[in-house]
Amino acid sequence: PGNSGLKLGAKRLIPVEGAPWGTLGEAALDSAVERDARALLA
């Protein structure tokens, strides 16, 4: 979204096990995406 402070292309690498690396720009978003990423990896 415009004026959100978030950046197009921001990244977070999420292994199936272990700690992620990088950030999308917001902790709550990082947490939600981490949960969904591991479900998609399955």
PDB file of all heavy atoms in Angstrom:
ATOM      1  N   PRO A   1       0.834  -1.201   0.000  1.00  0.00           N
ATOM      2  CA  PRO A   1       0.000   0.000   0.000  1.00  0.00           C
ATOM      3  C   PRO A   1       0.871   1.255   0.000  1.00  0.00           C
ATOM      4  O   PRO A   1       1.982   1.262   0.531  1.00  0.00           O
ATOM      5  CB  PRO A   1      -0.783  -0.113   1.324  1.00  0.00           C
ATOM      6  CG  PRO A   1      -0.613  -1.529   1.773  1.00  0.00           C
ATOM      7  CD  PRO A   1       0.692  -1.996   1.218  1.00  0.00           C
ATOM      8  N   GLY A   2       0.351   2.325  -0.573  1.00  0.00           N
ATOM      9  CA  GLY A   2       1.078   3.581  -0.574  1.00  0.00           C
ATOM     10  C   GLY A   2       1.238   4.142   0.828  1.00  0.00           C
ATOM     11  O   GLY A   2       0.368   3.958   1.691  1.00  0.00           O
ATOM     12  N   ASN A   3       2.351   4.829   1.060  1.00  0.00           N
ATOM     13  CA  ASN A   3       2.643   5.471   2.342  1.00  0.00           C
ATOM     14  C   ASN A   3       2.634   4.489   3.513  1.00  0.00           C
ATOM     15  O   ASN A   3       2.341   4.870   4.651  1.00  0.00           O
ATOM     16  CB  ASN A   3       1.623   6.589   2.624  1.00  0.00           C
ATOM     17  CG  ASN A   3       1.639   7.649   1.540  1.00  0.00           C
ATOM     18  OD1 ASN A   3       2.710   8.039   1.064  1.00  0.00           O
ATOM     19  ND2 ASN A   3       0.460   8.104   1.138  1.00  0.00           N
ATOM     20  N   SER A   4       2.928   3.223   3.245  1.00  0.00           N
ATOM     21  CA  SER A   4       2.918   2.225   4.320  1.00  0.00           C
ATOM     22  C   SER A   4       4.263   2.084   5.002  1.00  0.00           C
ATOM     23  O   SER A   4       4.355   1.542   6.109  1.00  0.00           O
ATOM     24  CB  SER A   4       2.518   0.853   3.758  1.00  0.00           C
ATOM     25  OG  SER A   4       3.516   0.382   2.857  1.00  0.00           O
ATOM     26  N   GLY A   5       5.309   2.551   4.347  1.00  0.00           N
ATOM     27  CA  GLY A   5       6.646   2.349   4.882  1.00  0.00           C
ATOM     28  C   GLY A   5       7.227   1.003   4.516  1.00  0.00           C
ATOM     29  O   GLY A   5       8.408   0.742   4.750  1.00  0.00           O
ATOM     30  N   LEU A   6       6.409   0.110   3.947  1.00  0.00           N
ATOM     31  CA  LEU A   6       6.890  -1.192   3.486  1.00  0.00           C
ATOM     32  C   LEU A   6       7.475  -1.047   2.087  1.00  0.00           C
ATOM     33  O   LEU A   6       7.081  -0.172   1.323  1.00  0.00           O
ATOM     34  CB  LEU A   6       5.748  -2.213   3.480  1.00  0.00           C
ATOM     35  CG  LEU A   6       5.059  -2.455   4.824  1.00  0.00           C
ATOM     36  CD1 LEU A   6       3.878  -3.396   4.651  1.00  0.00           C
ATOM     37  CD2 LEU A   6       6.047  -3.024   5.846  1.00  0.00           C
ATOM     38  N   LYS A   7       8.408  -1.941   1.740  1.00  0.00           N
ATOM     39  CA  LYS A   7       9.112  -1.821   0.469  1.00  0.00           C
ATOM     40  C   LYS A   7       8.798  -2.994  -0.442  1.00  0.00           C
ATOM     41  O   LYS A   7       8.886  -4.160  -0.027  1.00  0.00           O
ATOM     42  CB  LYS A   7      10.625  -1.750   0.711  1.00  0.00           C
ATOM     43  CG  LYS A   7      11.089  -0.492   1.437  1.00  0.00           C
ATOM     44  CD  LYS A   7      12.601  -0.456   1.550  1.00  0.00           C
ATOM     45  CE  LYS A   7      13.232  -0.362   0.166  1.00  0.00           C
ATOM     46  NZ  LYS A   7      14.714  -0.195   0.256  1.00  0.00           N
ATOM     47  N   LEU A   8       8.417  -2.686  -1.671  1.00  0.00           N
ATOM     48  CA  LEU A   8       8.233  -3.725  -2.673  1.00  0.00           C
ATOM     49  C   LEU A   8       9.529  -4.505  -2.816  1.00  0.00           C
ATOM     50  O   LEU A   8      10.605  -3.934  -2.954  1.00  0.00           O
ATOM     51  CB  LEU A   8       7.855  -3.098  -4.020  1.00  0.00           C
ATOM     52  CG  LEU A   8       7.629  -4.071  -5.183  1.00  0.00           C
ATOM     53  CD1 LEU A   8       6.339  -4.848  -4.968  1.00  0.00           C
ATOM     54  CD2 LEU A   8       7.576  -3.321  -6.515  1.00  0.00           C
ATOM     55  N   GLY A   9       9.423  -5.844  -2.754  1.00  0.00           N
ATOM     56  CA  GLY A   9      10.608  -6.680  -2.908  1.00  0.00           C
ATOM     57  C   GLY A   9      11.276  -7.063  -1.598  1.00  0.00           C
ATOM     58  O   GLY A   9      12.234  -7.853  -1.609  1.00  0.00           O
ATOM     59  N   ALA A  10      10.811  -6.530  -0.459  1.00  0.00           N
ATOM     60  CA  ALA A  10      11.384  -6.919   0.834  1.00  0.00           C
ATOM     61  C   ALA A  10      11.211  -8.426   1.020  1.00  0.00           C
ATOM     62  O   ALA A  10      10.203  -9.002   0.597  1.00  0.00           O
ATOM     63  CB  ALA A  10      10.705  -6.159   1.965  1.00  0.00           C
ATOM     64  N   LYS A  11      12.195  -9.072   1.693  1.00  0.00           N
ATOM     65  CA  LYS A  11      12.205 -10.533   1.726  1.00  0.00           C
ATOM     66  C   LYS A  11      12.454 -11.091   3.115  1.00  0.00           C
ATOM     67  O   LYS A  11      13.068 -10.447   3.969  1.00  0.00           O
ATOM     68  CB  LYS A  11      13.286 -11.070   0.775  1.00  0.00           C
ATOM     69  CG  LYS A  11      13.092 -10.636  -0.664  1.00  0.00           C
ATOM     70  CD  LYS A  11      14.153 -11.221  -1.579  1.00  0.00           C
ATOM     71  CE  LYS A  11      14.009 -10.648  -2.974  1.00  0.00           C
ATOM     72  NZ  LYS A  11      12.673 -10.883  -3.546  1.00  0.00           N
ATOM     73  N   ARG A  12      11.997 -12.313   3.281  1.00  0.00           N
ATOM     74  CA  ARG A  12      12.257 -13.082   4.501  1.00  0.00           C
ATOM     75  C   ARG A  12      12.411 -14.545   4.101  1.00  0.00           C
ATOM     76  O   ARG A  12      11.521 -15.117   3.458  1.00  0.00           O
ATOM     77  CB  ARG A  12      11.119 -12.907   5.504  1.00  0.00           C
ATOM     78  CG  ARG A  12      11.368 -13.588   6.873  1.00  0.00           C
ATOM     79  CD  ARG A  12      10.319 -13.101   7.851  1.00  0.00           C
ATOM     80  NE  ARG A  12      10.313 -13.777   9.132  1.00  0.00           N
ATOM     81  CZ  ARG A  12      11.120 -13.471  10.154  1.00  0.00           C
ATOM     82  NH1 ARG A  12      12.021 -12.510  10.014  1.00  0.00           N
ATOM     83  NH2 ARG A  12      11.029 -14.107  11.316  1.00  0.00           N
ATOM     84  N   LEU A  13      13.547 -15.142   4.445  1.00  0.00           N
ATOM     85  CA  LEU A  13      13.830 -16.533   4.116  1.00  0.00           C
ATOM     86  C   LEU A  13      13.417 -17.413   5.286  1.00  0.00           C
ATOM     87  O   LEU A  13      13.845 -17.189   6.435  1.00  0.00           O
ATOM     88  CB  LEU A  13      15.326 -16.711   3.822  1.00  0.00           C
ATOM     89  CG  LEU A  13      15.749 -18.009   3.132  1.00  0.00           C
ATOM     90  CD1 LEU A  13      15.205 -18.071   1.713  1.00  0.00           C
ATOM     91  CD2 LEU A  13      17.274 -18.119   3.120  1.00  0.00           C
ATOM     92  N   ILE A  14      12.573 -18.411   5.024  1.00  0.00           N
ATOM     93  CA  ILE A  14      11.972 -19.203   6.090  1.00  0.00           C
ATOM     94  C   ILE A  14      12.259 -20.687   5.849  1.00  0.00           C
ATOM     95  O   ILE A  14      11.657 -21.316   4.974  1.00  0.00           O
ATOM     96  CB  ILE A  14      10.445 -18.972   6.135  1.00  0.00           C
ATOM     97  CG1 ILE A  14      10.154 -17.471   6.283  1.00  0.00           C
ATOM     98  CG2 ILE A  14       9.820 -19.768   7.267  1.00  0.00           C
ATOM     99  CD1 ILE A  14       8.752 -17.081   5.912  1.00  0.00           C
ATOM    100  N   PRO A  15      13.195 -21.281   6.596  1.00  0.00           N
ATOM    101  CA  PRO A  15      13.452 -22.720   6.449  1.00  0.00           C
ATOM    102  C   PRO A  15      12.336 -23.531   7.077  1.00  0.00           C
ATOM    103  O   PRO A  15      11.595 -23.036   7.935  1.00  0.00           O
ATOM    104  CB  PRO A  15      14.769 -22.918   7.205  1.00  0.00           C
ATOM    105  CG  PRO A  15      14.780 -21.816   8.219  1.00  0.00           C
ATOM    106  CD  PRO A  15      14.060 -20.651   7.590  1.00  0.00           C
ATOM    107  N   VAL A  16      12.197 -24.767   6.641  1.00  0.00           N
ATOM    108  CA  VAL A  16      11.145 -25.619   7.199  1.00  0.00           C
ATOM    109  C   VAL A  16      11.372 -25.826   8.694  1.00  0.00           C
ATOM    110  O   VAL A  16      10.418 -26.006   9.461  1.00  0.00           O
ATOM    111  CB  VAL A  16      11.087 -26.965   6.450  1.00  0.00           C
ATOM    112  CG1 VAL A  16      12.319 -27.816   6.712  1.00  0.00           C
ATOM    113  CG2 VAL A  16       9.815 -27.721   6.788  1.00  0.00           C
ATOM    114  N   GLU A  17      12.635 -25.781   9.112  1.00  0.00           N
ATOM    115  CA  GLU A  17      12.978 -25.824  10.524  1.00  0.00           C
ATOM    116  C   GLU A  17      14.095 -24.814  10.775  1.00  0.00           C
ATOM    117  O   GLU A  17      14.986 -24.658   9.957  1.00  0.00           O
ATOM    118  CB  GLU A  17      13.449 -27.225  10.942  1.00  0.00           C
ATOM    119  CG  GLU A  17      12.375 -28.301  10.828  1.00  0.00           C
ATOM    120  CD  GLU A  17      12.909 -29.665  11.186  1.00  0.00           C
ATOM    121  OE1 GLU A  17      14.145 -29.777  11.379  1.00  0.00           O
ATOM    122  OE2 GLU A  17      12.125 -30.618  11.278  1.00  0.00           O
ATOM    123  N   GLY A  18      14.036 -24.146  11.895  1.00  0.00           N
ATOM    124  CA  GLY A  18      15.086 -23.196  12.216  1.00  0.00           C
ATOM    125  C   GLY A  18      14.626 -21.762  12.091  1.00  0.00           C
ATOM    126  O   GLY A  18      13.478 -21.466  11.737  1.00  0.00           O
ATOM    127  N   ALA A  19      15.549 -20.840  12.370  1.00  0.00           N
ATOM    128  CA  ALA A  19      15.227 -19.420  12.425  1.00  0.00           C
ATOM    129  C   ALA A  19      15.198 -18.793  11.036  1.00  0.00           C
ATOM    130  O   ALA A  19      16.061 -19.076  10.205  1.00  0.00           O
ATOM    131  CB  ALA A  19      16.253 -18.698  13.291  1.00  0.00           C
ATOM    132  N   PRO A  20      14.210 -17.935  10.757  1.00  0.00           N
ATOM    133  CA  PRO A  20      14.158 -17.199   9.482  1.00  0.00           C
ATOM    134  C   PRO A  20      15.265 -16.157   9.404  1.00  0.00           C
ATOM    135  O   PRO A  20      15.922 -15.842  10.405  1.00  0.00           O
ATOM    136  CB  PRO A  20      12.773 -16.552   9.507  1.00  0.00           C
ATOM    137  CG  PRO A  20      11.990 -17.314  10.532  1.00  0.00           C
ATOM    138  CD  PRO A  20      13.000 -17.732  11.553  1.00  0.00           C
ATOM    139  N   TRP A  21      15.423 -15.603   8.208  1.00  0.00           N
ATOM    140  CA  TRP A  21      16.450 -14.585   7.969  1.00  0.00           C
ATOM    141  C   TRP A  21      15.841 -13.471   7.125  1.00  0.00           C
ATOM    142  O   TRP A  21      15.185 -13.723   6.119  1.00  0.00           O
ATOM    143  CB  TRP A  21      17.632 -15.216   7.243  1.00  0.00           C
ATOM    144  CG  TRP A  21      18.783 -14.289   7.015  1.00  0.00           C
ATOM    145  CD1 TRP A  21      19.573 -13.726   7.970  1.00  0.00           C
ATOM    146  CD2 TRP A  21      19.282 -13.829   5.757  1.00  0.00           C
ATOM    147  NE1 TRP A  21      20.544 -12.936   7.385  1.00  0.00           N
ATOM    148  CE2 TRP A  21      20.396 -12.989   6.024  1.00  0.00           C
ATOM    149  CE3 TRP A  21      18.903 -14.058   4.428  1.00  0.00           C
ATOM    150  CZ2 TRP A  21      21.114 -12.367   5.007  1.00  0.00           C
ATOM    151  CZ3 TRP A  21      19.635 -13.438   3.421  1.00  0.00           C
ATOM    152  CH2 TRP A  21      20.725 -12.599   3.712  1.00  0.00           C
ATOM    153  N   GLY A  22      16.041 -12.231   7.556  1.00  0.00           N
ATOM    154  CA  GLY A  22      15.473 -11.100   6.850  1.00  0.00           C
ATOM    155  C   GLY A  22      14.126 -10.706   7.418  1.00  0.00           C
ATOM    156  O   GLY A  22      13.575 -11.370   8.299  1.00  0.00           O
ATOM    157  N   THR A  23      13.571  -9.610   6.901  1.00  0.00           N
ATOM    158  CA  THR A  23      12.271  -9.137   7.384  1.00  0.00           C
ATOM    159  C   THR A  23      11.493  -8.485   6.259  1.00  0.00           C
ATOM    160  O   THR A  23      12.069  -7.886   5.346  1.00  0.00           O
ATOM    161  CB  THR A  23      12.435  -8.136   8.539  1.00  0.00           C
ATOM    162  OG1 THR A  23      11.135  -7.698   8.968  1.00  0.00           O
ATOM    163  CG2 THR A  23      13.268  -6.932   8.119  1.00  0.00           C
ATOM    164  N   LEU A  24      10.187  -8.600   6.349  1.00  0.00           N
ATOM    165  CA  LEU A  24       9.301  -7.939   5.394  1.00  0.00           C
ATOM    166  C   LEU A  24       9.011  -6.506   5.823  1.00  0.00           C
ATOM    167  O   LEU A  24       8.356  -5.763   5.085  1.00  0.00           O
ATOM    168  CB  LEU A  24       8.000  -8.731   5.259  1.00  0.00           C
ATOM    169  CG  LEU A  24       8.158 -10.167   4.753  1.00  0.00           C
ATOM    170  CD1 LEU A  24       6.828 -10.908   4.817  1.00  0.00           C
ATOM    171  CD2 LEU A  24       8.702 -10.181   3.330  1.00  0.00           C
ATOM    172  N   GLY A  25       9.468  -6.149   7.009  1.00  0.00           N
ATOM    173  CA  GLY A  25       9.321  -4.773   7.457  1.00  0.00           C
ATOM    174  C   GLY A  25       8.444  -4.595   8.666  1.00  0.00           C
ATOM    175  O   GLY A  25       8.323  -3.491   9.193  1.00  0.00           O
ATOM    176  N   GLU A  26       7.820  -5.687   9.132  1.00  0.00           N
ATOM    177  CA  GLU A  26       6.934  -5.564  10.294  1.00  0.00           C
ATOM    178  C   GLU A  26       6.838  -6.919  10.991  1.00  0.00           C
ATOM    179  O   GLU A  26       6.626  -7.951  10.348  1.00  0.00           O
ATOM    180  CB  GLU A  26       5.555  -5.103   9.863  1.00  0.00           C
ATOM    181  CG  GLU A  26       4.633  -4.892  11.043  1.00  0.00           C
ATOM    182  CD  GLU A  26       3.702  -3.708  10.830  1.00  0.00           C
ATOM    183  OE1 GLU A  26       4.102  -2.736  10.162  1.00  0.00           O
ATOM    184  OE2 GLU A  26       2.593  -3.764  11.333  1.00  0.00           O
ATOM    185  N   ALA A  27       6.998  -6.925  12.317  1.00  0.00           N
ATOM    186  CA  ALA A  27       7.062  -8.165  13.080  1.00  0.00           C
ATOM    187  C   ALA A  27       5.795  -8.994  12.957  1.00  0.00           C
ATOM    188  O   ALA A  27       5.846 -10.224  12.806  1.00  0.00           O
ATOM    189  CB  ALA A  27       7.357  -7.856  14.546  1.00  0.00           C
ATOM    190  N   ALA A  28       4.618  -8.351  13.039  1.00  0.00           N
ATOM    191  CA  ALA A  28       3.360  -9.101  12.966  1.00  0.00           C
ATOM    192  C   ALA A  28       3.204  -9.760  11.604  1.00  0.00           C
ATOM    193  O   ALA A  28       2.729 -10.899  11.497  1.00  0.00           O
ATOM    194  CB  ALA A  28       2.181  -8.163  13.245  1.00  0.00           C
ATOM    195  N   LEU A  29       3.606  -9.059  10.560  1.00  0.00           N
ATOM    196  CA  LEU A  29       3.541  -9.623   9.211  1.00  0.00           C
ATOM    197  C   LEU A  29       4.539 -10.762   9.073  1.00  0.00           C
ATOM    198  O   LEU A  29       4.219 -11.816   8.500  1.00  0.00           O
ATOM    199  CB  LEU A  29       3.822  -8.532   8.178  1.00  0.00           C
ATOM    200  CG  LEU A  29       3.783  -8.953   6.706  1.00  0.00           C
ATOM    201  CD1 LEU A  29       2.418  -9.510   6.335  1.00  0.00           C
ATOM    202  CD2 LEU A  29       4.142  -7.770   5.804  1.00  0.00           C
ATOM    203  N   ASP A  30       5.750 -10.575   9.594  1.00  0.00           N
ATOM    204  CA  ASP A  30       6.758 -11.636   9.550  1.00  0.00           C
ATOM    205  C   ASP A  30       6.231 -12.914  10.186  1.00  0.00           C
ATOM    206  O   ASP A  30       6.400 -14.019   9.658  1.00  0.00           O
ATOM    207  CB  ASP A  30       8.027 -11.200  10.290  1.00  0.00           C
ATOM    208  CG  ASP A  30       8.869 -10.221   9.488  1.00  0.00           C
ATOM    209  OD1 ASP A  30       8.625 -10.084   8.272  1.00  0.00           O
ATOM    210  OD2 ASP A  30       9.761  -9.598  10.089  1.00  0.00           O
ATOM    211  N   SER A  31       5.578 -12.767  11.335  1.00  0.00           N
ATOM    212  CA  SER A  31       5.079 -13.928  12.066  1.00  0.00           C
ATOM    213  C   SER A  31       3.989 -14.655  11.299  1.00  0.00           C
ATOM    214  O   SER A  31       3.987 -15.891  11.206  1.00  0.00           O
ATOM    215  CB  SER A  31       4.555 -13.480  13.430  1.00  0.00           C
ATOM    216  OG  SER A  31       4.030 -14.561  14.144  1.00  0.00           O
ATOM    217  N   ALA A  32       3.052 -13.895  10.722  1.00  0.00           N
ATOM    218  CA  ALA A  32       1.954 -14.507   9.968  1.00  0.00           C
ATOM    219  C   ALA A  32       2.475 -15.217   8.720  1.00  0.00           C
ATOM    220  O   ALA A  32       2.039 -16.329   8.390  1.00  0.00           O
ATOM    221  CB  ALA A  32       0.932 -13.449   9.592  1.00  0.00           C
ATOM    222  N   VAL A  33       3.417 -14.590   8.040  1.00  0.00           N
ATOM    223  CA  VAL A  33       3.967 -15.185   6.821  1.00  0.00           C
ATOM    224  C   VAL A  33       4.777 -16.436   7.146  1.00  0.00           C
ATOM    225  O   VAL A  33       4.730 -17.431   6.415  1.00  0.00           O
ATOM    226  CB  VAL A  33       4.830 -14.152   6.068  1.00  0.00           C
ATOM    227  CG1 VAL A  33       5.609 -14.810   4.941  1.00  0.00           C
ATOM    228  CG2 VAL A  33       3.941 -13.037   5.517  1.00  0.00           C
ATOM    229  N   GLU A  34       5.505 -16.401   8.247  1.00  0.00           N
ATOM    230  CA  GLU A  34       6.281 -17.578   8.655  1.00  0.00           C
ATOM    231  C   GLU A  34       5.375 -18.782   8.860  1.00  0.00           C
ATOM    232  O   GLU A  34       5.666 -19.896   8.424  1.00  0.00           O
ATOM    233  CB  GLU A  34       7.051 -17.266   9.937  1.00  0.00           C
ATOM    234  CG  GLU A  34       7.929 -18.411  10.416  1.00  0.00           C
ATOM    235  CD  GLU A  34       8.691 -18.052  11.674  1.00  0.00           C
ATOM    236  OE1 GLU A  34       8.857 -16.839  11.948  1.00  0.00           O
ATOM    237  OE2 GLU A  34       9.123 -18.980  12.385  1.00  0.00           O
ATOM    238  N   ARG A  35       4.245 -18.574   9.516  1.00  0.00           N
ATOM    239  CA  ARG A  35       3.288 -19.658   9.750  1.00  0.00           C
ATOM    240  C   ARG A  35       2.761 -20.211   8.421  1.00  0.00           C
ATOM    241  O   ARG A  35       2.737 -21.427   8.196  1.00  0.00           O
ATOM    242  CB  ARG A  35       2.124 -19.132  10.593  1.00  0.00           C
ATOM    243  CG  ARG A  35       1.022 -20.151  10.870  1.00  0.00           C
ATOM    244  CD  ARG A  35      -0.235 -19.450  11.335  1.00  0.00           C
ATOM    245  NE  ARG A  35      -0.770 -18.550  10.313  1.00  0.00           N
ATOM    246  CZ  ARG A  35      -1.118 -17.278  10.525  1.00  0.00           C
ATOM    247  NH1 ARG A  35      -0.979 -16.744  11.722  1.00  0.00           N
ATOM    248  NH2 ARG A  35      -1.612 -16.545   9.539  1.00  0.00           N
ATOM    249  N   ASP A  36       2.368 -19.320   7.528  1.00  0.00           N
ATOM    250  CA  ASP A  36       1.803 -19.762   6.251  1.00  0.00           C
ATOM    251  C   ASP A  36       2.866 -20.403   5.354  1.00  0.00           C
ATOM    252  O   ASP A  36       2.569 -21.334   4.599  1.00  0.00           O
ATOM    253  CB  ASP A  36       1.147 -18.578   5.537  1.00  0.00           C
ATOM    254  CG  ASP A  36      -0.094 -18.089   6.253  1.00  0.00           C
ATOM    255  OD1 ASP A  36      -0.690 -18.873   7.006  1.00  0.00           O
ATOM    256  OD2 ASP A  36      -0.458 -16.905   6.076  1.00  0.00           O
ATOM    257  N   ALA A  37       4.088 -19.895   5.425  1.00  0.00           N
ATOM    258  CA  ALA A  37       5.162 -20.446   4.594  1.00  0.00           C
ATOM    259  C   ALA A  37       5.427 -21.896   4.950  1.00  0.00           C
ATOM    260  O   ALA A  37       5.612 -22.748   4.061  1.00  0.00           O
ATOM    261  CB  ALA A  37       6.426 -19.611   4.750  1.00  0.00           C
ATOM    262  N   ARG A  38       5.429 -22.201   6.220  1.00  0.00           N
ATOM    263  CA  ARG A  38       5.703 -23.579   6.624  1.00  0.00           C
ATOM    264  C   ARG A  38       4.555 -24.505   6.236  1.00  0.00           C
ATOM    265  O   ARG A  38       4.771 -25.677   5.928  1.00  0.00           O
ATOM    266  CB  ARG A  38       6.000 -23.629   8.117  1.00  0.00           C
ATOM    267  CG  ARG A  38       7.360 -22.976   8.417  1.00  0.00           C
ATOM    268  CD  ARG A  38       7.885 -23.227   9.804  1.00  0.00           C
ATOM    269  NE  ARG A  38       9.300 -22.853   9.866  1.00  0.00           N
ATOM    270  CZ  ARG A  38       9.819 -22.022  10.748  1.00  0.00           C
ATOM    271  NH1 ARG A  38       9.036 -21.456  11.650  1.00  0.00           N
ATOM    272  NH2 ARG A  38      11.110 -21.759  10.731  1.00  0.00           N
ATOM    273  N   ALA A  39       3.346 -23.982   6.223  1.00  0.00           N
ATOM    274  CA  ALA A  39       2.214 -24.784   5.745  1.00  0.00           C
ATOM    275  C   ALA A  39       2.333 -25.043   4.246  1.00  0.00           C
ATOM    276  O   ALA A  39       2.075 -26.156   3.766  1.00  0.00           O
ATOM    277  CB  ALA A  39       0.897 -24.084   6.064  1.00  0.00           C
ATOM    278  N   LEU A  40       2.753 -24.024   3.489  1.00  0.00           N
ATOM    279  CA  LEU A  40       2.920 -24.199   2.051  1.00  0.00           C
ATOM    280  C   LEU A  40       4.080 -25.129   1.736  1.00  0.00           C
ATOM    281  O   LEU A  40       4.028 -25.895   0.764  1.00  0.00           O
ATOM    282  CB  LEU A  40       3.137 -22.849   1.375  1.00  0.00           C
ATOM    283  CG  LEU A  40       1.897 -21.971   1.229  1.00  0.00           C
ATOM    284  CD1 LEU A  40       2.273 -20.581   0.709  1.00  0.00           C
ATOM    285  CD2 LEU A  40       0.879 -22.610   0.283  1.00  0.00           C
ATOM    286  N   LEU A  41       5.144 -25.094   2.539  1.00  0.00           N
ATOM    287  CA  LEU A  41       6.264 -26.001   2.323  1.00  0.00           C
ATOM    288  C   LEU A  41       5.821 -27.456   2.443  1.00  0.00           C
ATOM    289  O   LEU A  41       6.322 -28.332   1.735  1.00  0.00           O
ATOM    290  CB  LEU A  41       7.384 -25.714   3.328  1.00  0.00           C
ATOM    291  CG  LEU A  41       8.285 -24.522   3.011  1.00  0.00           C
ATOM    292  CD1 LEU A  41       9.194 -24.218   4.196  1.00  0.00           C
ATOM    293  CD2 LEU A  41       9.095 -24.777   1.754  1.00  0.00           C
ATOM    294  N   ALA A  42       4.872 -27.715   3.316  1.00  0.00           N
ATOM    295  CA  ALA A  42       4.377 -29.081   3.483  1.00  0.00           C
ATOM    296  C   ALA A  42       3.677 -29.573   2.222  1.00  0.00           C
ATOM    297  O   ALA A  42       3.705 -30.768   1.908  1.00  0.00           O
ATOM    298  CB  ALA A  42       3.431 -29.149   4.676  1.00  0.00           C
TER     299      ALA A  42
END
